[in-house]
Amino acid sequence: MLDYTKTRNRDRGFTVLELVIVVAVALVLAAIAVPRVMSIVSDISLRYAATDMSGLLQTARIQAIK
């Protein structure tokens, strides 16, 4: 019975090595994902600016015709 409780208590939780591996994998995935997300945000911002400029030009054309 004594050996069972020692084994059971020792098997609970994560080891430091397991935690380091998980953190390393998370950092690698973040290093891959962050530049892509920044690129997507930049593209969305550029599209918004182009759409806004197009609307302003259309408004200027309408004003010029009037």
C-alpha atoms as a PDB file:
ATOM      1  CA  MET A   1       0.000   0.000   0.000  1.00  0.00           C
ATOM      2  CA  LEU A   2       2.876   2.363   0.753  1.00  0.00           C
ATOM      3  CA  ASP A   3       4.429   1.861  -2.693  1.00  0.00           C
ATOM      4  CA  TYR A   4       1.087   2.594  -4.377  1.00  0.00           C
ATOM      5  CA  THR A   5       0.699   6.014  -2.721  1.00  0.00           C
ATOM      6  CA  LYS A   6       4.271   7.018  -3.554  1.00  0.00           C
ATOM      7  CA  THR A   7       3.801   6.049  -7.199  1.00  0.00           C
ATOM      8  CA  ARG A   8       0.453   7.783  -7.399  1.00  0.00           C
ATOM      9  CA  ASN A   9       1.758  11.066  -5.960  1.00  0.00           C
ATOM     10  CA  ARG A  10       4.810  11.023  -8.219  1.00  0.00           C
ATOM     11  CA  ASP A  11       2.747  10.544 -11.410  1.00  0.00           C
ATOM     12  CA  ARG A  12       0.612  13.647 -10.944  1.00  0.00           C
ATOM     13  CA  GLY A  13       1.319  16.858 -12.871  1.00  0.00           C
ATOM     14  CA  PHE A  14       3.734  17.705 -15.666  1.00  0.00           C
ATOM     15  CA  THR A  15       7.498  17.602 -15.711  1.00  0.00           C
ATOM     16  CA  VAL A  16       9.555  20.684 -16.484  1.00  0.00           C
ATOM     17  CA  LEU A  17      10.738  19.071 -19.718  1.00  0.00           C
ATOM     18  CA  GLU A  18       7.154  18.569 -20.903  1.00  0.00           C
ATOM     19  CA  LEU A  19       6.296  22.185 -20.128  1.00  0.00           C
ATOM     20  CA  VAL A  20       9.412  23.462 -21.940  1.00  0.00           C
ATOM     21  CA  ILE A  21       8.533  21.397 -25.010  1.00  0.00           C
ATOM     22  CA  VAL A  22       4.960  22.726 -25.052  1.00  0.00           C
ATOM     23  CA  VAL A  23       6.160  26.326 -24.703  1.00  0.00           C
ATOM     24  CA  ALA A  24       8.730  25.810 -27.479  1.00  0.00           C
ATOM     25  CA  VAL A  25       6.095  24.418 -29.847  1.00  0.00           C
ATOM     26  CA  ALA A  26       3.764  27.310 -29.014  1.00  0.00           C
ATOM     27  CA  LEU A  27       6.529  29.827 -29.730  1.00  0.00           C
ATOM     28  CA  VAL A  28       7.325  28.219 -33.075  1.00  0.00           C
ATOM     29  CA  LEU A  29       3.668  28.300 -34.076  1.00  0.00           C
ATOM     30  CA  ALA A  30       3.390  31.932 -32.981  1.00  0.00           C
ATOM     31  CA  ALA A  31       6.514  32.843 -34.946  1.00  0.00           C
ATOM     32  CA  ILE A  32       4.887  31.393 -38.049  1.00  0.00           C
ATOM     33  CA  ALA A  33       1.407  32.839 -37.458  1.00  0.00           C
ATOM     34  CA  VAL A  34       2.171  36.422 -36.367  1.00  0.00           C
ATOM     35  CA  PRO A  35       3.723  37.630 -39.648  1.00  0.00           C
ATOM     36  CA  ARG A  36       0.826  36.165 -41.616  1.00  0.00           C
ATOM     37  CA  VAL A  37      -1.729  37.855 -39.361  1.00  0.00           C
ATOM     38  CA  MET A  38       0.103  41.179 -39.668  1.00  0.00           C
ATOM     39  CA  SER A  39       0.115  40.810 -43.454  1.00  0.00           C
ATOM     40  CA  ILE A  40      -3.625  40.107 -43.492  1.00  0.00           C
ATOM     41  CA  VAL A  41      -4.316  43.144 -41.292  1.00  0.00           C
ATOM     42  CA  SER A  42      -2.206  45.303 -43.609  1.00  0.00           C
ATOM     43  CA  ASP A  43      -4.079  44.016 -46.665  1.00  0.00           C
ATOM     44  CA  ILE A  44      -7.445  44.748 -45.059  1.00  0.00           C
ATOM     45  CA  SER A  45      -6.308  48.258 -44.188  1.00  0.00           C
ATOM     46  CA  LEU A  46      -5.124  48.838 -47.760  1.00  0.00           C
ATOM     47  CA  ARG A  47      -8.426  47.599 -49.194  1.00  0.00           C
ATOM     48  CA  TYR A  48     -10.351  49.874 -46.852  1.00  0.00           C
ATOM     49  CA  ALA A  49      -8.256  52.873 -47.922  1.00  0.00           C
ATOM     50  CA  ALA A  50      -8.733  52.013 -51.616  1.00  0.00           C
ATOM     51  CA  THR A  51     -12.496  51.687 -51.167  1.00  0.00           C
ATOM     52  CA  ASP A  52     -12.607  54.998 -49.316  1.00  0.00           C
ATOM     53  CA  MET A  53     -10.594  56.692 -52.066  1.00  0.00           C
ATOM     54  CA  SER A  54     -12.884  55.245 -54.723  1.00  0.00           C
ATOM     55  CA  GLY A  55     -15.916  56.629 -52.887  1.00  0.00           C
ATOM     56  CA  LEU A  56     -14.310  60.056 -52.626  1.00  0.00           C
ATOM     57  CA  LEU A  57     -13.516  60.067 -56.353  1.00  0.00           C
ATOM     58  CA  GLN A  58     -17.089  59.055 -57.169  1.00  0.00           C
ATOM     59  CA  THR A  59     -18.378  61.896 -54.988  1.00  0.00           C
ATOM     60  CA  ALA A  60     -16.038  64.338 -56.740  1.00  0.00           C
ATOM     61  CA  ARG A  61     -17.282  63.175 -60.163  1.00  0.00           C
ATOM     62  CA  ILE A  62     -20.897  63.670 -59.109  1.00  0.00           C
ATOM     63  CA  GLN A  63     -20.091  67.145 -57.770  1.00  0.00           C
ATOM     64  CA  ALA A  64     -18.256  68.022 -61.018  1.00  0.00           C
ATOM     65  CA  ILE A  65     -21.243  66.991 -63.132  1.00  0.00           C
ATOM     66  CA  LYS A  66     -23.604  69.107 -61.047  1.00  0.00           C
END
